[in-house]
Amino acid sequence: MTRIYEIPYQPDDGSFWTVRLGGVPVGRFPSRFEALRAAVNLAAADGAGATIAVEGADGIWRPFGSDAKRPVSVQAMPPMRKLAAVR
């Protein structure tokens, strides 16, 4: 059986995004990014039978890319270089 985690485009009550599994809330998050991250983690834990649907600004639900993978660790940004204008 396929498990579909749903991420809405807009927050439910103006401040939280609710991740749903088959229409049933499984978590509330302060940002859409956090909701998506939680859905990816939940789907990864469920295995091959789980997918993620993301609502677009146009109201159309689309599958989240199947190539999404959790990073093992977040790499640090390289130091910023200062550029000088050449005259």
PDB file of N, CA and C in Angstrom:
ATOM      1  N   MET A   1       0.830  -1.176   0.000  1.00  0.00           N
ATOM      2  CA  MET A   1       0.000   0.000   0.000  1.00  0.00           C
ATOM      3  C   MET A   1       0.881   1.248   0.000  1.00  0.00           C
ATOM      4  N   THR A   2       0.535   2.208  -0.846  1.00  0.00           N
ATOM      5  CA  THR A   2       1.300   3.444  -0.943  1.00  0.00           C
ATOM      6  C   THR A   2       0.853   4.424   0.130  1.00  0.00           C
ATOM      7  N   ARG A   3       1.830   5.013   0.798  1.00  0.00           N
ATOM      8  CA  ARG A   3       1.557   6.034   1.802  1.00  0.00           C
ATOM      9  C   ARG A   3       1.941   7.374   1.188  1.00  0.00           C
ATOM     10  N   ILE A   4       1.010   8.340   1.185  1.00  0.00           N
ATOM     11  CA  ILE A   4       1.256   9.637   0.560  1.00  0.00           C
ATOM     12  C   ILE A   4       1.240  10.726   1.626  1.00  0.00           C
ATOM     13  N   TYR A   5       2.395  11.363   1.814  1.00  0.00           N
ATOM     14  CA  TYR A   5       2.508  12.501   2.721  1.00  0.00           C
ATOM     15  C   TYR A   5       2.209  13.761   1.911  1.00  0.00           C
ATOM     16  N   GLU A   6       1.330  14.618   2.428  1.00  0.00           N
ATOM     17  CA  GLU A   6       0.878  15.805   1.704  1.00  0.00           C
ATOM     18  C   GLU A   6       1.387  17.083   2.378  1.00  0.00           C
ATOM     19  N   ILE A   7       1.955  17.991   1.561  1.00  0.00           N
ATOM     20  CA  ILE A   7       2.448  19.286   2.034  1.00  0.00           C
ATOM     21  C   ILE A   7       1.644  20.376   1.314  1.00  0.00           C
ATOM     22  N   PRO A   8       0.836  21.175   2.035  1.00  0.00           N
ATOM     23  CA  PRO A   8       0.058  22.228   1.375  1.00  0.00           C
ATOM     24  C   PRO A   8       0.936  23.428   1.002  1.00  0.00           C
ATOM     25  N   TYR A   9       0.425  24.254   0.086  1.00  0.00           N
ATOM     26  CA  TYR A   9       1.148  25.456  -0.325  1.00  0.00           C
ATOM     27  C   TYR A   9       1.054  26.545   0.750  1.00  0.00           C
ATOM     28  N   GLN A  10      -0.125  26.739   1.297  1.00  0.00           N
ATOM     29  CA  GLN A  10      -0.365  27.770   2.296  1.00  0.00           C
ATOM     30  C   GLN A  10      -0.432  27.146   3.690  1.00  0.00           C
ATOM     31  N   PRO A  11      -0.084  27.912   4.728  1.00  0.00           N
ATOM     32  CA  PRO A  11      -0.245  27.392   6.088  1.00  0.00           C
ATOM     33  C   PRO A  11      -1.732  27.244   6.403  1.00  0.00           C
ATOM     34  N   ASP A  12      -2.046  26.318   7.300  1.00  0.00           N
ATOM     35  CA  ASP A  12      -3.440  26.033   7.628  1.00  0.00           C
ATOM     36  C   ASP A  12      -4.142  27.203   8.300  1.00  0.00           C
ATOM     37  N   ASP A  13      -3.537  27.768   9.317  1.00  0.00           N
ATOM     38  CA  ASP A  13      -4.187  28.833  10.073  1.00  0.00           C
ATOM     39  C   ASP A  13      -3.404  30.145  10.011  1.00  0.00           C
ATOM     40  N   GLY A  14      -2.579  30.257   9.002  1.00  0.00           N
ATOM     41  CA  GLY A  14      -1.789  31.470   8.845  1.00  0.00           C
ATOM     42  C   GLY A  14      -0.395  31.402   9.429  1.00  0.00           C
ATOM     43  N   SER A  15      -0.087  30.324  10.178  1.00  0.00           N
ATOM     44  CA  SER A  15       1.241  30.272  10.763  1.00  0.00           C
ATOM     45  C   SER A  15       1.875  28.882  10.797  1.00  0.00           C
ATOM     46  N   PHE A  16       1.123  27.816  10.545  1.00  0.00           N
ATOM     47  CA  PHE A  16       1.675  26.467  10.588  1.00  0.00           C
ATOM     48  C   PHE A  16       1.280  25.653   9.366  1.00  0.00           C
ATOM     49  N   TRP A  17       2.224  24.863   8.877  1.00  0.00           N
ATOM     50  CA  TRP A  17       1.972  23.931   7.785  1.00  0.00           C
ATOM     51  C   TRP A  17       1.766  22.551   8.399  1.00  0.00           C
ATOM     52  N   THR A  18       0.681  21.888   8.022  1.00  0.00           N
ATOM     53  CA  THR A  18       0.370  20.571   8.554  1.00  0.00           C
ATOM     54  C   THR A  18       0.710  19.509   7.524  1.00  0.00           C
ATOM     55  N   VAL A  19       1.545  18.557   7.908  1.00  0.00           N
ATOM     56  CA  VAL A  19       1.845  17.408   7.057  1.00  0.00           C
ATOM     57  C   VAL A  19       0.743  16.386   7.313  1.00  0.00           C
ATOM     58  N   ARG A  20       0.151  15.891   6.224  1.00  0.00           N
ATOM     59  CA  ARG A  20      -0.924  14.904   6.347  1.00  0.00           C
ATOM     60  C   ARG A  20      -0.511  13.603   5.678  1.00  0.00           C
ATOM     61  N   LEU A  21      -0.989  12.530   6.230  1.00  0.00           N
ATOM     62  CA  LEU A  21      -0.790  11.202   5.651  1.00  0.00           C
ATOM     63  C   LEU A  21      -2.176  10.657   5.359  1.00  0.00           C
ATOM     64  N   GLY A  22      -2.537  10.620   4.071  1.00  0.00           N
ATOM     65  CA  GLY A  22      -3.876  10.171   3.696  1.00  0.00           C
ATOM     66  C   GLY A  22      -4.963  11.051   4.283  1.00  0.00           C
ATOM     67  N   GLY A  23      -4.722  12.347   4.405  1.00  0.00           N
ATOM     68  CA  GLY A  23      -5.696  13.288   4.938  1.00  0.00           C
ATOM     69  C   GLY A  23      -5.682  13.442   6.451  1.00  0.00           C
ATOM     70  N   VAL A  24      -4.911  12.619   7.139  1.00  0.00           N
ATOM     71  CA  VAL A  24      -4.833  12.672   8.602  1.00  0.00           C
ATOM     72  C   VAL A  24      -3.567  13.431   9.005  1.00  0.00           C
ATOM     73  N   PRO A  25      -3.695  14.495   9.837  1.00  0.00           N
ATOM     74  CA  PRO A  25      -2.509  15.255  10.256  1.00  0.00           C
ATOM     75  C   PRO A  25      -1.515  14.379  11.027  1.00  0.00           C
ATOM     76  N   VAL A  26      -0.228  14.515  10.666  1.00  0.00           N
ATOM     77  CA  VAL A  26       0.830  13.786  11.374  1.00  0.00           C
ATOM     78  C   VAL A  26       1.858  14.731  11.988  1.00  0.00           C
ATOM     79  N   GLY A  27       1.738  16.032  11.726  1.00  0.00           N
ATOM     80  CA  GLY A  27       2.663  17.000  12.308  1.00  0.00           C
ATOM     81  C   GLY A  27       2.382  18.403  11.825  1.00  0.00           C
ATOM     82  N   ARG A  28       2.699  19.398  12.675  1.00  0.00           N
ATOM     83  CA  ARG A  28       2.555  20.820  12.325  1.00  0.00           C
ATOM     84  C   ARG A  28       3.919  21.481  12.449  1.00  0.00           C
ATOM     85  N   PHE A  29       4.235  22.356  11.483  1.00  0.00           N
ATOM     86  CA  PHE A  29       5.569  22.932  11.420  1.00  0.00           C
ATOM     87  C   PHE A  29       5.497  24.432  11.139  1.00  0.00           C
ATOM     88  N   PRO A  30       6.472  25.207  11.653  1.00  0.00           N
ATOM     89  CA  PRO A  30       6.441  26.658  11.507  1.00  0.00           C
ATOM     90  C   PRO A  30       6.795  27.159  10.107  1.00  0.00           C
ATOM     91  N   SER A  31       7.296  26.287   9.230  1.00  0.00           N
ATOM     92  CA  SER A  31       7.610  26.710   7.864  1.00  0.00           C
ATOM     93  C   SER A  31       7.333  25.559   6.900  1.00  0.00           C
ATOM     94  N   ARG A  32       7.156  25.908   5.652  1.00  0.00           N
ATOM     95  CA  ARG A  32       6.918  24.884   4.631  1.00  0.00           C
ATOM     96  C   ARG A  32       8.167  24.021   4.447  1.00  0.00           C
ATOM     97  N   PHE A  33       9.326  24.639   4.571  1.00  0.00           N
ATOM     98  CA  PHE A  33      10.576  23.892   4.464  1.00  0.00           C
ATOM     99  C   PHE A  33      10.668  22.831   5.553  1.00  0.00           C
ATOM    100  N   GLU A  34      10.335  23.201   6.796  1.00  0.00           N
ATOM    101  CA  GLU A  34      10.373  22.232   7.901  1.00  0.00           C
ATOM    102  C   GLU A  34       9.363  21.112   7.673  1.00  0.00           C
ATOM    103  N   ALA A  35       8.196  21.455   7.144  1.00  0.00           N
ATOM    104  CA  ALA A  35       7.182  20.438   6.848  1.00  0.00           C
ATOM    105  C   ALA A  35       7.689  19.477   5.781  1.00  0.00           C
ATOM    106  N   LEU A  36       8.334  20.008   4.751  1.00  0.00           N
ATOM    107  CA  LEU A  36       8.871  19.163   3.695  1.00  0.00           C
ATOM    108  C   LEU A  36       9.994  18.275   4.224  1.00  0.00           C
ATOM    109  N   ARG A  37      10.859  18.840   5.055  1.00  0.00           N
ATOM    110  CA  ARG A  37      11.941  18.052   5.624  1.00  0.00           C
ATOM    111  C   ARG A  37      11.391  16.893   6.476  1.00  0.00           C
ATOM    112  N   ALA A  38      10.365  17.180   7.264  1.00  0.00           N
ATOM    113  CA  ALA A  38       9.756  16.132   8.094  1.00  0.00           C
ATOM    114  C   ALA A  38       9.114  15.059   7.220  1.00  0.00           C
ATOM    115  N   ALA A  39       8.438  15.472   6.147  1.00  0.00           N
ATOM    116  CA  ALA A  39       7.806  14.499   5.249  1.00  0.00           C
ATOM    117  C   ALA A  39       8.855  13.618   4.567  1.00  0.00           C
ATOM    118  N   VAL A  40       9.986  14.207   4.170  1.00  0.00           N
ATOM    119  CA  VAL A  40      11.062  13.422   3.554  1.00  0.00           C
ATOM    120  C   VAL A  40      11.603  12.406   4.562  1.00  0.00           C
ATOM    121  N   ASN A  41      11.799  12.826   5.798  1.00  0.00           N
ATOM    122  CA  ASN A  41      12.292  11.908   6.830  1.00  0.00           C
ATOM    123  C   ASN A  41      11.299  10.788   7.101  1.00  0.00           C
ATOM    124  N   LEU A  42      10.009  11.129   7.193  1.00  0.00           N
ATOM    125  CA  LEU A  42       8.985  10.111   7.431  1.00  0.00           C
ATOM    126  C   LEU A  42       8.894   9.130   6.264  1.00  0.00           C
ATOM    127  N   ALA A  43       8.924   9.665   5.041  1.00  0.00           N
ATOM    128  CA  ALA A  43       8.844   8.805   3.864  1.00  0.00           C
ATOM    129  C   ALA A  43      10.070   7.906   3.755  1.00  0.00           C
ATOM    130  N   ALA A  44      11.250   8.437   4.094  1.00  0.00           N
ATOM    131  CA  ALA A  44      12.470   7.630   4.053  1.00  0.00           C
ATOM    132  C   ALA A  44      12.406   6.508   5.075  1.00  0.00           C
ATOM    133  N   ALA A  45      11.829   6.782   6.241  1.00  0.00           N
ATOM    134  CA  ALA A  45      11.699   5.755   7.271  1.00  0.00           C
ATOM    135  C   ALA A  45      10.689   4.686   6.870  1.00  0.00           C
ATOM    136  N   ASP A  46       9.661   5.083   6.102  1.00  0.00           N
ATOM    137  CA  ASP A  46       8.641   4.129   5.654  1.00  0.00           C
ATOM    138  C   ASP A  46       9.148   3.197   4.566  1.00  0.00           C
ATOM    139  N   GLY A  47      10.123   3.645   3.795  1.00  0.00           N
ATOM    140  CA  GLY A  47      10.665   2.808   2.736  1.00  0.00           C
ATOM    141  C   GLY A  47      10.059   3.115   1.379  1.00  0.00           C
ATOM    142  N   ALA A  48      10.130   2.130   0.493  1.00  0.00           N
ATOM    143  CA  ALA A  48       9.773   2.320  -0.906  1.00  0.00           C
ATOM    144  C   ALA A  48       8.291   2.589  -1.136  1.00  0.00           C
ATOM    145  N   GLY A  49       7.427   2.276  -0.196  1.00  0.00           N
ATOM    146  CA  GLY A  49       5.994   2.463  -0.387  1.00  0.00           C
ATOM    147  C   GLY A  49       5.479   3.846  -0.075  1.00  0.00           C
ATOM    148  N   ALA A  50       6.349   4.799   0.224  1.00  0.00           N
ATOM    149  CA  ALA A  50       5.925   6.140   0.605  1.00  0.00           C
ATOM    150  C   ALA A  50       6.286   7.162  -0.462  1.00  0.00           C
ATOM    151  N   THR A  51       5.388   8.108  -0.677  1.00  0.00           N
ATOM    152  CA  THR A  51       5.640   9.213  -1.604  1.00  0.00           C
ATOM    153  C   THR A  51       5.218  10.515  -0.925  1.00  0.00           C
ATOM    154  N   ILE A  52       5.614  11.632  -1.550  1.00  0.00           N
ATOM    155  CA  ILE A  52       5.291  12.954  -1.020  1.00  0.00           C
ATOM    156  C   ILE A  52       4.602  13.744  -2.126  1.00  0.00           C
ATOM    157  N   ALA A  53       3.467  14.369  -1.780  1.00  0.00           N
ATOM    158  CA  ALA A  53       2.747  15.241  -2.712  1.00  0.00           C
ATOM    159  C   ALA A  53       2.856  16.663  -2.193  1.00  0.00           C
ATOM    160  N   VAL A  54       3.219  17.596  -3.088  1.00  0.00           N
ATOM    161  CA  VAL A  54       3.398  18.999  -2.715  1.00  0.00           C
ATOM    162  C   VAL A  54       2.431  19.835  -3.540  1.00  0.00           C
ATOM    163  N   GLU A  55       1.671  20.705  -2.866  1.00  0.00           N
ATOM    164  CA  GLU A  55       0.735  21.580  -3.555  1.00  0.00           C
ATOM    165  C   GLU A  55       1.475  22.788  -4.109  1.00  0.00           C
ATOM    166  N   GLY A  56       1.252  23.103  -5.371  1.00  0.00           N
ATOM    167  CA  GLY A  56       1.867  24.259  -5.988  1.00  0.00           C
ATOM    168  C   GLY A  56       1.058  25.519  -5.768  1.00  0.00           C
ATOM    169  N   ALA A  57       1.618  26.671  -6.139  1.00  0.00           N
ATOM    170  CA  ALA A  57       0.922  27.950  -5.996  1.00  0.00           C
ATOM    171  C   ALA A  57      -0.350  27.981  -6.837  1.00  0.00           C
ATOM    172  N   ASP A  58      -0.410  27.144  -7.884  1.00  0.00           N
ATOM    173  CA  ASP A  58      -1.577  27.078  -8.744  1.00  0.00           C
ATOM    174  C   ASP A  58      -2.655  26.131  -8.215  1.00  0.00           C
ATOM    175  N   GLY A  59      -2.421  25.527  -7.045  1.00  0.00           N
ATOM    176  CA  GLY A  59      -3.399  24.625  -6.449  1.00  0.00           C
ATOM    177  C   GLY A  59      -3.314  23.190  -6.926  1.00  0.00           C
ATOM    178  N   ILE A  60      -2.361  22.888  -7.811  1.00  0.00           N
ATOM    179  CA  ILE A  60      -2.201  21.537  -8.340  1.00  0.00           C
ATOM    180  C   ILE A  60      -1.216  20.772  -7.471  1.00  0.00           C
ATOM    181  N   TRP A  61      -1.599  19.542  -7.104  1.00  0.00           N
ATOM    182  CA  TRP A  61      -0.733  18.676  -6.304  1.00  0.00           C
ATOM    183  C   TRP A  61       0.197  17.915  -7.226  1.00  0.00           C
ATOM    184  N   ARG A  62       1.477  17.919  -6.895  1.00  0.00           N
ATOM    185  CA  ARG A  62       2.493  17.245  -7.705  1.00  0.00           C
ATOM    186  C   ARG A  62       3.342  16.349  -6.816  1.00  0.00           C
ATOM    187  N   PRO A  63       3.856  15.264  -7.398  1.00  0.00           N
ATOM    188  CA  PRO A  63       4.756  14.405  -6.605  1.00  0.00           C
ATOM    189  C   PRO A  63       6.088  15.107  -6.384  1.00  0.00           C
ATOM    190  N   PHE A  64       6.617  14.976  -5.186  1.00  0.00           N
ATOM    191  CA  PHE A  64       7.939  15.502  -4.877  1.00  0.00           C
ATOM    192  C   PHE A  64       8.959  14.582  -5.517  1.00  0.00           C
ATOM    193  N   GLY A  65      10.062  15.108  -6.016  1.00  0.00           N
ATOM    194  CA  GLY A  65      11.059  14.323  -6.734  1.00  0.00           C
ATOM    195  C   GLY A  65      11.499  13.070  -6.005  1.00  0.00           C
ATOM    196  N   SER A  66      11.508  11.977  -6.706  1.00  0.00           N
ATOM    197  CA  SER A  66      11.891  10.701  -6.094  1.00  0.00           C
ATOM    198  C   SER A  66      13.392  10.610  -5.845  1.00  0.00           C
ATOM    199  N   ASP A  67      14.154  11.565  -6.391  1.00  0.00           N
ATOM    200  CA  ASP A  67      15.598  11.530  -6.195  1.00  0.00           C
ATOM    201  C   ASP A  67      16.025  12.312  -4.949  1.00  0.00           C
ATOM    202  N   ALA A  68      15.054  12.784  -4.149  1.00  0.00           N
ATOM    203  CA  ALA A  68      15.394  13.531  -2.940  1.00  0.00           C
ATOM    204  C   ALA A  68      16.004  12.592  -1.910  1.00  0.00           C
ATOM    205  N   LYS A  69      17.133  12.984  -1.392  1.00  0.00           N
ATOM    206  CA  LYS A  69      17.822  12.172  -0.392  1.00  0.00           C
ATOM    207  C   LYS A  69      18.233  13.068   0.764  1.00  0.00           C
ATOM    208  N   ARG A  70      18.194  12.510   1.937  1.00  0.00           N
ATOM    209  CA  ARG A  70      18.652  13.249   3.100  1.00  0.00           C
ATOM    210  C   ARG A  70      20.167  13.332   3.073  1.00  0.00           C
ATOM    211  N   PRO A  71      20.730  14.522   3.291  1.00  0.00           N
ATOM    212  CA  PRO A  71      22.190  14.593   3.382  1.00  0.00           C
ATOM    213  C   PRO A  71      22.657  13.961   4.687  1.00  0.00           C
ATOM    214  N   VAL A  72      23.806  13.301   4.636  1.00  0.00           N
ATOM    215  CA  VAL A  72      24.383  12.722   5.843  1.00  0.00           C
ATOM    216  C   VAL A  72      24.773  13.838   6.797  1.00  0.00           C
ATOM    217  N   SER A  73      25.368  14.867   6.249  1.00  0.00           N
ATOM    218  CA  SER A  73      25.688  16.049   7.042  1.00  0.00           C
ATOM    219  C   SER A  73      25.698  17.253   6.105  1.00  0.00           C
ATOM    220  N   VAL A  74      25.446  18.393   6.668  1.00  0.00           N
ATOM    221  CA  VAL A  74      25.449  19.619   5.874  1.00  0.00           C
ATOM    222  C   VAL A  74      26.867  20.146   5.822  1.00  0.00           C
ATOM    223  N   GLN A  75      27.356  20.366   4.611  1.00  0.00           N
ATOM    224  CA  GLN A  75      28.719  20.853   4.449  1.00  0.00           C
ATOM    225  C   GLN A  75      28.779  22.353   4.705  1.00  0.00           C
ATOM    226  N   ALA A  76      29.858  22.792   5.280  1.00  0.00           N
ATOM    227  CA  ALA A  76      30.055  24.210   5.567  1.00  0.00           C
ATOM    228  C   ALA A  76      30.284  24.974   4.263  1.00  0.00           C
ATOM    229  N   MET A  77      29.824  26.201   4.253  1.00  0.00           N
ATOM    230  CA  MET A  77      30.035  27.060   3.089  1.00  0.00           C
ATOM    231  C   MET A  77      31.505  27.464   3.034  1.00  0.00           C
ATOM    232  N   PRO A  78      32.075  27.574   1.838  1.00  0.00           N
ATOM    233  CA  PRO A  78      33.462  28.042   1.749  1.00  0.00           C
ATOM    234  C   PRO A  78      33.534  29.499   2.188  1.00  0.00           C
ATOM    235  N   PRO A  79      34.699  29.932   2.677  1.00  0.00           N
ATOM    236  CA  PRO A  79      34.824  31.326   3.116  1.00  0.00           C
ATOM    237  C   PRO A  79      34.552  32.280   1.961  1.00  0.00           C
ATOM    238  N   MET A  80      33.932  33.393   2.283  1.00  0.00           N
ATOM    239  CA  MET A  80      33.604  34.393   1.264  1.00  0.00           C
ATOM    240  C   MET A  80      34.877  35.096   0.804  1.00  0.00           C
ATOM    241  N   ARG A  81      34.983  35.269  -0.499  1.00  0.00           N
ATOM    242  CA  ARG A  81      36.130  35.993  -1.053  1.00  0.00           C
ATOM    243  C   ARG A  81      35.740  37.438  -1.268  1.00  0.00           C
ATOM    244  N   LYS A  82      36.646  38.329  -0.998  1.00  0.00           N
ATOM    245  CA  LYS A  82      36.398  39.734  -1.246  1.00  0.00           C
ATOM    246  C   LYS A  82      36.926  40.044  -2.631  1.00  0.00           C
ATOM    247  N   LEU A  83      36.066  40.633  -3.426  1.00  0.00           N
ATOM    248  CA  LEU A  83      36.450  40.987  -4.785  1.00  0.00           C
ATOM    249  C   LEU A  83      36.713  42.490  -4.844  1.00  0.00           C
ATOM    250  N   ALA A  84      37.716  42.848  -5.589  1.00  0.00           N
ATOM    251  CA  ALA A  84      38.034  44.279  -5.759  1.00  0.00           C
ATOM    252  C   ALA A  84      37.772  44.654  -7.208  1.00  0.00           C
ATOM    253  N   ALA A  85      37.259  45.838  -7.393  1.00  0.00           N
ATOM    254  CA  ALA A  85      37.003  46.328  -8.743  1.00  0.00           C
ATOM    255  C   ALA A  85      38.324  46.713  -9.404  1.00  0.00           C
ATOM    256  N   VAL A  86      38.462  46.370 -10.657  1.00  0.00           N
ATOM    257  CA  VAL A  86      39.664  46.729 -11.408  1.00  0.00           C
ATOM    258  C   VAL A  86      39.368  48.010 -12.169  1.00  0.00           C
ATOM    259  N   ARG A  87      40.298  48.963 -12.056  1.00  0.00           N
ATOM    260  CA  ARG A  87      40.090  50.236 -12.755  1.00  0.00           C
ATOM    261  C   ARG A  87      41.008  50.354 -13.908  1.00  0.00           C
TER     262      ARG A  87
END
